[in-house]
């Protein structure tokens, strides 16, 4: 007999602090970062028996070395889950963790699994972007992909070209806001609530990493305005209005609503709809626009129904192109209330779950908000979007 569609809920999410590439985690293994997040999630949810987890999916963009060997399975075993719990690896570049969540959620919705762990990791110290990559020469020879599409910073410059209203001044102002909101969120203790402290061995011994390494308090527009433009002479994309190169891991606990209720697990958000879409790889950052339009259509909603937005800040211009399309102001307080990747970093495949963990925290502080979006651009010209319903209002918990 066909199974009924099961509502999928986001129970909990955590992450390591994000370090700079070459920074605090230089001597720490990528898979160990994932293990720390999984173990922390299980400690935070003691009602859940590890044996009740039906599947584990962990994303990494570069699946070699300490990010290889079917990392979803190895980290499950390293985390102390029973050998009966399976696991697998997944890759959709920057949207790896987001895809781990949607893939597992499809299994939950169809009734084939009840409870799952999703994760994402990128150790850009050990695996620099593009390391070991061997693009098929036909991509360029047959003009399937312009060579510029293989350089993410160049695709951001292309977005500036395509939309002249997206000026460098606006990008710098948005970047400054991201830094300021992140500093304020730390001051309020909002970010620390979902961070997993990591003991890391460095040249001066063991240190406990308790906050994101890339945050730059005291950033000013003047300082941002004079930064070099590495992707184009006299360009508009700088290290100040882009995310950095980072190391870090994230994890999320997902369940069917009935499985969460039967185990007394807190339900933070309910998945409403999700979508992925492709765009011209030369303007990769525009991907969240069509993926969001598609997700809204599937949910029967419009952008005016969305109360909160967590948009990955791969580049400021990419977020601004999304805001302009939907008629949202650059400084709209609903957008990235705790700051974003420009300040905290973007360890590629891990970032999708950071967006969800942030949104769950946004929802908790704003119980009147009903719907929120997590969305991000994806390398080679894609976007991914998930629409979530807030369950912090007691009336929605039922």
Foldseek 3Di string as FASTA:
>chain_A
DFDAFFWKFFQAKFKAFKEFQVPQALVPFFLVQALLRVLVVCVVQVLDDLQQAAEEEEEEADADDSNHPQSRAVSCVVNPRDNNYYYGYAYQWLAQQVVQVVVVSVCQRRPNGFKHKTKYWFNCNVPPPPVPDDDDPCCPVVVVAPPLLSPVLQLLLVLCVVDVVLALLLLLVLLVVLLVLQVVCVVVVLRQVRHRWDFGQDPVGTDTDRHFHQRDPPDDSVVSVPAASVPDHVTRFGLSQAFHAITMMMMTMMGGLVVCVVSVGHGFKIWQFKFKDFDRSSNQLQAQQVRVVVRCVSNVHDPVLAQAEEEARRGSSSVVVNCVVRVHDSVPCRYPSNHHRSRRGRSRSRVQSVSVNSVSSVCLVPVVRFKYKYKYGTRSGMIMMIIITGPNPVVNSD
